[in-house]
């Protein structure tokens, strides 16, 4: 939400500190380098994984008494995705139509917990993370799973769902195929297995499809951003939509939940 977003001055200070570090070249000690959101890997064509610093990593990278404050500046992957979607929705309500729009990101899958892409590791990681994620869910709340496997068959959809059922059964929650209040997003690819528990998956987050949100709100990029990129790039991969949008972005936590 807007009240949880870092103050603009804090964001400016973070950017300035990062620029200062980069200008320092290789002279900075590795232990003093600030953790940052960074590219992790491209697991398949058009699917990038972005690593987000966890709170403990942010604290370790801080200096003096400011480490706790720096840890708070890094949201979880799911909170980060929610902020991006909320910002685009707010932009539409403020003046409708204009503003900077993410043109080349189709989907943003937040993965708050990650492990190696194998069933046993997924089971171990989920047994720890899932009960915590549902700690505030009222009895009788509904849930379902959105499963995505890319170039990997080590975890099947049926097996992942069975694991989740076993973990969630004592929590007094109900499985619901339609209009579930909570959606467990599970991503399996050659680099990792990751998952998050999301609310508003079908409504506020448009199934994590940023281009669908922009289309629904009537958001268009500024005319200054209109370039001849379409003529330079062949959009032949049959992606989920968006003008010239071919990249699907995943977000993962670097908190070390499970085995990577």
C-alpha atoms as a PDB file:
ATOM      1  CA  UNK A   1       0.000   0.000   0.000  1.00  0.00           C
ATOM      2  CA  UNK A   2       1.013   3.637  -0.364  1.00  0.00           C
ATOM      3  CA  UNK A   3       1.635   4.095   3.353  1.00  0.00           C
ATOM      4  CA  UNK A   4       4.188   1.252   3.319  1.00  0.00           C
ATOM      5  CA  UNK A   5       6.193   2.714   0.430  1.00  0.00           C
ATOM      6  CA  UNK A   6       9.591   4.268   1.274  1.00  0.00           C
ATOM      7  CA  UNK A   7       9.646   8.063   1.557  1.00  0.00           C
ATOM      8  CA  UNK A   8      10.985   9.731  -1.644  1.00  0.00           C
ATOM      9  CA  UNK A   9      13.931  11.159   0.297  1.00  0.00           C
ATOM     10  CA  UNK A  10      14.837   7.682   1.530  1.00  0.00           C
ATOM     11  CA  UNK A  11      14.680   6.320  -2.016  1.00  0.00           C
ATOM     12  CA  UNK A  12      16.876   9.200  -3.244  1.00  0.00           C
ATOM     13  CA  UNK A  13      19.387   8.476  -0.511  1.00  0.00           C
ATOM     14  CA  UNK A  14      19.503   4.807  -1.491  1.00  0.00           C
ATOM     15  CA  UNK A  15      20.057   5.667  -5.156  1.00  0.00           C
ATOM     16  CA  UNK A  16      22.761   8.191  -4.308  1.00  0.00           C
ATOM     17  CA  UNK A  17      24.531   5.675  -2.061  1.00  0.00           C
ATOM     18  CA  UNK A  18      24.436   3.082  -4.844  1.00  0.00           C
ATOM     19  CA  UNK A  19      25.821   5.546  -7.396  1.00  0.00           C
ATOM     20  CA  UNK A  20      28.582   6.483  -4.969  1.00  0.00           C
ATOM     21  CA  UNK A  21      29.451   2.820  -4.508  1.00  0.00           C
ATOM     22  CA  UNK A  22      29.547   2.253  -8.264  1.00  0.00           C
ATOM     23  CA  UNK A  23      31.805   5.273  -8.783  1.00  0.00           C
ATOM     24  CA  UNK A  24      34.166   3.787  -6.221  1.00  0.00           C
ATOM     25  CA  UNK A  25      34.911   0.914  -8.591  1.00  0.00           C
ATOM     26  CA  UNK A  26      36.505  -2.169  -7.100  1.00  0.00           C
ATOM     27  CA  UNK A  27      37.959  -0.359  -4.105  1.00  0.00           C
ATOM     28  CA  UNK A  28      34.949  -0.977  -1.895  1.00  0.00           C
ATOM     29  CA  UNK A  29      35.167  -3.942   0.429  1.00  0.00           C
ATOM     30  CA  UNK A  30      32.761  -6.756  -0.553  1.00  0.00           C
ATOM     31  CA  UNK A  31      31.409  -6.863   3.009  1.00  0.00           C
ATOM     32  CA  UNK A  32      30.473  -3.169   2.804  1.00  0.00           C
ATOM     33  CA  UNK A  33      28.668  -3.391  -0.510  1.00  0.00           C
ATOM     34  CA  UNK A  34      24.960  -2.699  -0.261  1.00  0.00           C
ATOM     35  CA  UNK A  35      22.595  -5.499  -1.305  1.00  0.00           C
ATOM     36  CA  UNK A  36      20.344  -4.517  -4.173  1.00  0.00           C
ATOM     37  CA  UNK A  37      17.668  -5.840  -6.477  1.00  0.00           C
ATOM     38  CA  UNK A  38      19.587  -7.402  -9.343  1.00  0.00           C
ATOM     39  CA  UNK A  39      19.336  -9.756 -12.291  1.00  0.00           C
ATOM     40  CA  UNK A  40      19.650 -13.389 -11.204  1.00  0.00           C
ATOM     41  CA  UNK A  41      19.243 -15.475 -14.346  1.00  0.00           C
ATOM     42  CA  UNK A  42      17.238 -16.020 -17.507  1.00  0.00           C
ATOM     43  CA  UNK A  43      15.736 -19.433 -16.959  1.00  0.00           C
ATOM     44  CA  UNK A  44      14.123 -19.706 -20.391  1.00  0.00           C
ATOM     45  CA  UNK A  45      13.708 -17.368 -23.331  1.00  0.00           C
ATOM     46  CA  UNK A  46      11.886 -14.267 -22.147  1.00  0.00           C
ATOM     47  CA  UNK A  47      11.715 -15.330 -18.481  1.00  0.00           C
ATOM     48  CA  UNK A  48      14.054 -13.435 -16.165  1.00  0.00           C
ATOM     49  CA  UNK A  49      14.508 -14.016 -12.454  1.00  0.00           C
ATOM     50  CA  UNK A  50      15.257 -10.921 -10.390  1.00  0.00           C
ATOM     51  CA  UNK A  51      16.838 -11.394  -6.958  1.00  0.00           C
ATOM     52  CA  UNK A  52      15.520  -9.282  -4.064  1.00  0.00           C
ATOM     53  CA  UNK A  53      17.634  -8.768  -0.916  1.00  0.00           C
ATOM     54  CA  UNK A  54      16.170 -10.285   2.214  1.00  0.00           C
ATOM     55  CA  UNK A  55      16.027  -8.337   5.460  1.00  0.00           C
ATOM     56  CA  UNK A  56      19.024 -10.156   6.937  1.00  0.00           C
ATOM     57  CA  UNK A  57      21.106  -9.474   3.813  1.00  0.00           C
ATOM     58  CA  UNK A  58      20.134  -5.813   3.882  1.00  0.00           C
ATOM     59  CA  UNK A  59      21.125  -5.567   7.541  1.00  0.00           C
ATOM     60  CA  UNK A  60      24.485  -7.190   6.845  1.00  0.00           C
ATOM     61  CA  UNK A  61      25.171  -4.678   4.082  1.00  0.00           C
ATOM     62  CA  UNK A  62      24.372  -1.640   6.216  1.00  0.00           C
ATOM     63  CA  UNK A  63      26.685   0.568   8.213  1.00  0.00           C
ATOM     64  CA  UNK A  64      26.451   1.454  11.892  1.00  0.00           C
ATOM     65  CA  UNK A  65      23.029   2.024  13.390  1.00  0.00           C
ATOM     66  CA  UNK A  66      21.327   2.449  10.025  1.00  0.00           C
ATOM     67  CA  UNK A  67      21.297  -1.266   9.145  1.00  0.00           C
ATOM     68  CA  UNK A  68      17.845  -1.848  10.610  1.00  0.00           C
ATOM     69  CA  UNK A  69      16.432   1.064   8.638  1.00  0.00           C
ATOM     70  CA  UNK A  70      18.035  -0.208   5.420  1.00  0.00           C
ATOM     71  CA  UNK A  71      16.512  -3.648   5.977  1.00  0.00           C
ATOM     72  CA  UNK A  72      13.077  -2.046   6.003  1.00  0.00           C
ATOM     73  CA  UNK A  73      13.692  -0.404   2.621  1.00  0.00           C
ATOM     74  CA  UNK A  74      13.540  -3.744   0.784  1.00  0.00           C
ATOM     75  CA  UNK A  75      10.027  -5.170   0.431  1.00  0.00           C
ATOM     76  CA  UNK A  76       9.359  -8.848  -0.030  1.00  0.00           C
ATOM     77  CA  UNK A  77       8.859  -9.946  -3.656  1.00  0.00           C
ATOM     78  CA  UNK A  78       5.077 -10.151  -3.212  1.00  0.00           C
ATOM     79  CA  UNK A  79       4.951  -6.702  -1.574  1.00  0.00           C
ATOM     80  CA  UNK A  80       7.115  -5.312  -4.381  1.00  0.00           C
ATOM     81  CA  UNK A  81       4.794  -6.690  -7.073  1.00  0.00           C
ATOM     82  CA  UNK A  82       1.747  -5.369  -5.216  1.00  0.00           C
ATOM     83  CA  UNK A  83       3.355  -1.902  -5.118  1.00  0.00           C
ATOM     84  CA  UNK A  84       4.059  -1.958  -8.840  1.00  0.00           C
ATOM     85  CA  UNK A  85       0.457  -2.872  -9.639  1.00  0.00           C
ATOM     86  CA  UNK A  86      -0.915  -0.348  -7.139  1.00  0.00           C
ATOM     87  CA  UNK A  87       1.296   2.383  -8.628  1.00  0.00           C
ATOM     88  CA  UNK A  88      -0.012   1.714 -12.139  1.00  0.00           C
ATOM     89  CA  UNK A  89      -3.598   1.696 -10.885  1.00  0.00           C
ATOM     90  CA  UNK A  90      -3.036   4.942  -8.991  1.00  0.00           C
ATOM     91  CA  UNK A  91      -1.509   6.518 -12.090  1.00  0.00           C
ATOM     92  CA  UNK A  92      -4.679   5.751 -13.997  1.00  0.00           C
ATOM     93  CA  UNK A  93      -6.945   7.247 -11.315  1.00  0.00           C
ATOM     94  CA  UNK A  94      -4.822  10.404 -11.022  1.00  0.00           C
ATOM     95  CA  UNK A  95      -5.152  11.471 -14.620  1.00  0.00           C
ATOM     96  CA  UNK A  96      -5.844   8.449 -16.700  1.00  0.00           C
ATOM     97  CA  UNK A  97      -4.037   7.392 -19.786  1.00  0.00           C
ATOM     98  CA  UNK A  98      -0.582   8.909 -19.450  1.00  0.00           C
ATOM     99  CA  UNK A  99       2.573   8.350 -17.452  1.00  0.00           C
ATOM    100  CA  UNK A 100       5.421   5.920 -17.537  1.00  0.00           C
ATOM    101  CA  UNK A 101       4.171   2.393 -18.152  1.00  0.00           C
ATOM    102  CA  UNK A 102       6.160  -0.841 -18.058  1.00  0.00           C
ATOM    103  CA  UNK A 103       5.886  -1.752 -21.738  1.00  0.00           C
ATOM    104  CA  UNK A 104       8.151  -4.790 -21.863  1.00  0.00           C
ATOM    105  CA  UNK A 105       7.058  -6.663 -18.753  1.00  0.00           C
ATOM    106  CA  UNK A 106       4.062  -8.922 -19.202  1.00  0.00           C
ATOM    107  CA  UNK A 107       3.868 -10.792 -15.919  1.00  0.00           C
ATOM    108  CA  UNK A 108       5.569 -10.424 -12.540  1.00  0.00           C
ATOM    109  CA  UNK A 109       5.522 -13.615 -10.493  1.00  0.00           C
ATOM    110  CA  UNK A 110       6.556 -12.916  -6.872  1.00  0.00           C
ATOM    111  CA  UNK A 111       8.384 -15.819  -5.263  1.00  0.00           C
ATOM    112  CA  UNK A 112       8.774 -15.130  -1.551  1.00  0.00           C
ATOM    113  CA  UNK A 113      10.279 -18.558  -0.841  1.00  0.00           C
ATOM    114  CA  UNK A 114      12.695 -20.463  -3.051  1.00  0.00           C
ATOM    115  CA  UNK A 115      14.334 -23.886  -3.070  1.00  0.00           C
ATOM    116  CA  UNK A 116      15.870 -26.269  -5.566  1.00  0.00           C
ATOM    117  CA  UNK A 117      13.391 -27.544  -8.198  1.00  0.00           C
ATOM    118  CA  UNK A 118      12.786 -30.964  -6.664  1.00  0.00           C
ATOM    119  CA  UNK A 119       9.773 -32.329  -4.835  1.00  0.00           C
ATOM    120  CA  UNK A 120      11.452 -33.094  -1.510  1.00  0.00           C
ATOM    121  CA  UNK A 121      12.989 -29.619  -1.253  1.00  0.00           C
ATOM    122  CA  UNK A 122       9.658 -28.037  -2.203  1.00  0.00           C
ATOM    123  CA  UNK A 123       7.910 -30.079   0.474  1.00  0.00           C
ATOM    124  CA  UNK A 124      10.423 -29.002   3.125  1.00  0.00           C
ATOM    125  CA  UNK A 125      10.307 -25.319   2.160  1.00  0.00           C
ATOM    126  CA  UNK A 126       6.510 -25.246   1.921  1.00  0.00           C
ATOM    127  CA  UNK A 127       6.117 -26.920   5.323  1.00  0.00           C
ATOM    128  CA  UNK A 128       7.914 -23.924   6.849  1.00  0.00           C
ATOM    129  CA  UNK A 129       6.644 -21.036   4.738  1.00  0.00           C
ATOM    130  CA  UNK A 130       2.994 -21.908   4.024  1.00  0.00           C
ATOM    131  CA  UNK A 131       1.729 -21.983   7.652  1.00  0.00           C
ATOM    132  CA  UNK A 132       3.419 -18.618   8.243  1.00  0.00           C
ATOM    133  CA  UNK A 133       1.812 -17.144   5.136  1.00  0.00           C
ATOM    134  CA  UNK A 134      -1.639 -18.267   6.311  1.00  0.00           C
ATOM    135  CA  UNK A 135      -1.137 -17.256   9.955  1.00  0.00           C
ATOM    136  CA  UNK A 136      -3.666 -14.407   9.675  1.00  0.00           C
ATOM    137  CA  UNK A 137      -6.183 -16.256   7.486  1.00  0.00           C
ATOM    138  CA  UNK A 138      -9.544 -16.818   9.219  1.00  0.00           C
ATOM    139  CA  UNK A 139     -10.907 -20.375   9.527  1.00  0.00           C
ATOM    140  CA  UNK A 140     -12.837 -21.370   6.429  1.00  0.00           C
ATOM    141  CA  UNK A 141     -10.908 -19.047   4.104  1.00  0.00           C
ATOM    142  CA  UNK A 142     -10.499 -20.456   0.602  1.00  0.00           C
ATOM    143  CA  UNK A 143      -7.306 -21.163  -1.309  1.00  0.00           C
ATOM    144  CA  UNK A 144      -6.101 -22.628  -4.587  1.00  0.00           C
ATOM    145  CA  UNK A 145      -2.848 -23.111  -6.502  1.00  0.00           C
ATOM    146  CA  UNK A 146      -1.541 -21.550  -9.715  1.00  0.00           C
ATOM    147  CA  UNK A 147       1.228 -23.831 -10.976  1.00  0.00           C
ATOM    148  CA  UNK A 148       3.761 -23.054 -13.717  1.00  0.00           C
ATOM    149  CA  UNK A 149       6.540 -25.415 -14.839  1.00  0.00           C
ATOM    150  CA  UNK A 150       9.047 -24.318 -17.489  1.00  0.00           C
ATOM    151  CA  UNK A 151      11.397 -26.871 -19.049  1.00  0.00           C
ATOM    152  CA  UNK A 152      11.250 -28.964 -15.861  1.00  0.00           C
ATOM    153  CA  UNK A 153       9.292 -32.067 -14.901  1.00  0.00           C
ATOM    154  CA  UNK A 154      10.843 -32.789 -11.489  1.00  0.00           C
ATOM    155  CA  UNK A 155       7.729 -31.392  -9.776  1.00  0.00           C
ATOM    156  CA  UNK A 156       4.350 -32.182 -11.304  1.00  0.00           C
ATOM    157  CA  UNK A 157       1.260 -30.113 -10.718  1.00  0.00           C
ATOM    158  CA  UNK A 158      -0.565 -33.018  -9.075  1.00  0.00           C
ATOM    159  CA  UNK A 159       2.321 -33.655  -6.669  1.00  0.00           C
ATOM    160  CA  UNK A 160       2.648 -29.978  -5.719  1.00  0.00           C
ATOM    161  CA  UNK A 161      -1.083 -29.732  -5.021  1.00  0.00           C
ATOM    162  CA  UNK A 162      -0.981 -32.870  -2.873  1.00  0.00           C
ATOM    163  CA  UNK A 163       1.916 -31.441  -0.847  1.00  0.00           C
ATOM    164  CA  UNK A 164      -0.003 -28.216  -0.248  1.00  0.00           C
ATOM    165  CA  UNK A 165      -3.179 -30.053   0.727  1.00  0.00           C
ATOM    166  CA  UNK A 166      -1.272 -32.047   3.326  1.00  0.00           C
ATOM    167  CA  UNK A 167       0.315 -28.906   4.813  1.00  0.00           C
ATOM    168  CA  UNK A 168      -2.858 -26.792   4.785  1.00  0.00           C
ATOM    169  CA  UNK A 169      -5.251 -29.477   6.084  1.00  0.00           C
ATOM    170  CA  UNK A 170      -4.610 -28.667   9.801  1.00  0.00           C
ATOM    171  CA  UNK A 171      -5.116 -24.928   9.143  1.00  0.00           C
ATOM    172  CA  UNK A 172      -8.891 -25.272   8.658  1.00  0.00           C
ATOM    173  CA  UNK A 173      -8.896 -23.700   5.216  1.00  0.00           C
ATOM    174  CA  UNK A 174     -11.031 -24.735   2.262  1.00  0.00           C
ATOM    175  CA  UNK A 175      -9.852 -25.648  -1.231  1.00  0.00           C
ATOM    176  CA  UNK A 176     -11.799 -23.686  -3.854  1.00  0.00           C
ATOM    177  CA  UNK A 177     -11.262 -23.869  -7.599  1.00  0.00           C
ATOM    178  CA  UNK A 178     -13.260 -20.676  -8.237  1.00  0.00           C
ATOM    179  CA  UNK A 179     -12.814 -17.269  -6.586  1.00  0.00           C
ATOM    180  CA  UNK A 180     -10.301 -18.425  -3.982  1.00  0.00           C
ATOM    181  CA  UNK A 181      -9.365 -15.759  -1.435  1.00  0.00           C
ATOM    182  CA  UNK A 182      -5.747 -16.902  -1.373  1.00  0.00           C
ATOM    183  CA  UNK A 183      -3.732 -18.098  -4.361  1.00  0.00           C
ATOM    184  CA  UNK A 184      -0.515 -20.044  -3.929  1.00  0.00           C
ATOM    185  CA  UNK A 185       1.652 -19.270  -6.953  1.00  0.00           C
ATOM    186  CA  UNK A 186       4.206 -22.011  -7.644  1.00  0.00           C
ATOM    187  CA  UNK A 187       6.965 -21.597 -10.262  1.00  0.00           C
ATOM    188  CA  UNK A 188       9.266 -24.442 -11.296  1.00  0.00           C
ATOM    189  CA  UNK A 189      12.131 -23.893 -13.731  1.00  0.00           C
ATOM    190  CA  UNK A 190      15.704 -25.158 -14.220  1.00  0.00           C
ATOM    191  CA  UNK A 191      17.091 -22.547 -11.805  1.00  0.00           C
ATOM    192  CA  UNK A 192      14.712 -22.880  -8.870  1.00  0.00           C
ATOM    193  CA  UNK A 193      11.319 -23.638  -7.441  1.00  0.00           C
ATOM    194  CA  UNK A 194       9.582 -20.669  -5.830  1.00  0.00           C
ATOM    195  CA  UNK A 195       6.202 -19.904  -4.361  1.00  0.00           C
ATOM    196  CA  UNK A 196       4.132 -17.155  -2.730  1.00  0.00           C
ATOM    197  CA  UNK A 197       0.703 -16.779  -1.157  1.00  0.00           C
ATOM    198  CA  UNK A 198      -1.213 -13.882  -2.734  1.00  0.00           C
ATOM    199  CA  UNK A 199      -4.535 -12.170  -2.143  1.00  0.00           C
ATOM    200  CA  UNK A 200      -6.437 -10.514  -4.976  1.00  0.00           C
ATOM    201  CA  UNK A 201      -4.709 -12.696  -7.544  1.00  0.00           C
ATOM    202  CA  UNK A 202      -7.632 -12.697  -9.993  1.00  0.00           C
ATOM    203  CA  UNK A 203      -8.804  -9.156  -9.258  1.00  0.00           C
ATOM    204  CA  UNK A 204      -6.236  -6.604  -8.092  1.00  0.00           C
ATOM    205  CA  UNK A 205      -3.265  -8.434  -9.623  1.00  0.00           C
ATOM    206  CA  UNK A 206      -4.928  -9.627 -12.856  1.00  0.00           C
ATOM    207  CA  UNK A 207      -3.204 -13.004 -12.394  1.00  0.00           C
ATOM    208  CA  UNK A 208       0.090 -11.100 -12.081  1.00  0.00           C
ATOM    209  CA  UNK A 209      -0.348  -9.757 -15.626  1.00  0.00           C
ATOM    210  CA  UNK A 210       0.774  -6.120 -15.654  1.00  0.00           C
ATOM    211  CA  UNK A 211      -0.222  -5.571 -19.276  1.00  0.00           C
ATOM    212  CA  UNK A 212      -3.763  -6.775 -18.509  1.00  0.00           C
ATOM    213  CA  UNK A 213      -3.983  -4.218 -15.702  1.00  0.00           C
ATOM    214  CA  UNK A 214      -2.745  -1.420 -17.988  1.00  0.00           C
ATOM    215  CA  UNK A 215      -5.273  -2.378 -20.663  1.00  0.00           C
ATOM    216  CA  UNK A 216      -8.081  -2.494 -18.118  1.00  0.00           C
ATOM    217  CA  UNK A 217      -7.185   0.952 -16.747  1.00  0.00           C
ATOM    218  CA  UNK A 218      -6.632   2.475 -20.194  1.00  0.00           C
ATOM    219  CA  UNK A 219      -2.970   3.225 -19.488  1.00  0.00           C
ATOM    220  CA  UNK A 220      -0.775   4.074 -22.473  1.00  0.00           C
ATOM    221  CA  UNK A 221       2.924   5.038 -22.553  1.00  0.00           C
ATOM    222  CA  UNK A 222       3.900   8.668 -23.070  1.00  0.00           C
ATOM    223  CA  UNK A 223       4.378   9.741 -26.659  1.00  0.00           C
ATOM    224  CA  UNK A 224       8.035  10.441 -25.826  1.00  0.00           C
ATOM    225  CA  UNK A 225       8.456   6.722 -25.141  1.00  0.00           C
ATOM    226  CA  UNK A 226       7.073   5.655 -28.482  1.00  0.00           C
ATOM    227  CA  UNK A 227      10.082   4.509 -30.480  1.00  0.00           C
ATOM    228  CA  UNK A 228      10.712   2.363 -33.491  1.00  0.00           C
ATOM    229  CA  UNK A 229      11.520  -0.679 -31.363  1.00  0.00           C
ATOM    230  CA  UNK A 230       8.739  -2.685 -32.932  1.00  0.00           C
ATOM    231  CA  UNK A 231      10.494  -2.531 -36.290  1.00  0.00           C
ATOM    232  CA  UNK A 232      13.783  -3.629 -34.757  1.00  0.00           C
ATOM    233  CA  UNK A 233      12.427  -6.559 -32.787  1.00  0.00           C
ATOM    234  CA  UNK A 234      10.441  -9.506 -34.060  1.00  0.00           C
ATOM    235  CA  UNK A 235       7.743 -10.307 -31.553  1.00  0.00           C
ATOM    236  CA  UNK A 236       7.387 -13.877 -32.688  1.00  0.00           C
ATOM    237  CA  UNK A 237       7.314 -15.753 -29.397  1.00  0.00           C
ATOM    238  CA  UNK A 238       3.555 -15.670 -28.829  1.00  0.00           C
ATOM    239  CA  UNK A 239       3.842 -14.000 -25.417  1.00  0.00           C
ATOM    240  CA  UNK A 240       0.890 -13.104 -23.225  1.00  0.00           C
ATOM    241  CA  UNK A 241       0.296  -9.699 -24.767  1.00  0.00           C
ATOM    242  CA  UNK A 242       1.196  -6.070 -24.454  1.00  0.00           C
ATOM    243  CA  UNK A 243       2.568  -4.122 -27.380  1.00  0.00           C
ATOM    244  CA  UNK A 244       6.001  -5.505 -28.127  1.00  0.00           C
ATOM    245  CA  UNK A 245       6.034  -7.104 -24.679  1.00  0.00           C
ATOM    246  CA  UNK A 246       7.927 -10.371 -24.734  1.00  0.00           C
ATOM    247  CA  UNK A 247       9.589 -10.546 -21.350  1.00  0.00           C
ATOM    248  CA  UNK A 248       8.044 -12.272 -18.369  1.00  0.00           C
ATOM    249  CA  UNK A 249       9.700 -11.199 -15.150  1.00  0.00           C
ATOM    250  CA  UNK A 250       9.891 -13.294 -12.004  1.00  0.00           C
ATOM    251  CA  UNK A 251      10.905 -11.981  -8.617  1.00  0.00           C
ATOM    252  CA  UNK A 252      12.548 -14.185  -6.056  1.00  0.00           C
ATOM    253  CA  UNK A 253      13.638 -13.705  -2.508  1.00  0.00           C
ATOM    254  CA  UNK A 254      17.270 -14.119  -1.563  1.00  0.00           C
ATOM    255  CA  UNK A 255      16.319 -15.218   1.929  1.00  0.00           C
ATOM    256  CA  UNK A 256      17.514 -18.783   1.457  1.00  0.00           C
ATOM    257  CA  UNK A 257      14.252 -20.529   2.280  1.00  0.00           C
ATOM    258  CA  UNK A 258      14.933 -24.127   1.387  1.00  0.00           C
ATOM    259  CA  UNK A 259      17.852 -25.435  -0.627  1.00  0.00           C
ATOM    260  CA  UNK A 260      18.747 -23.617  -3.824  1.00  0.00           C
END
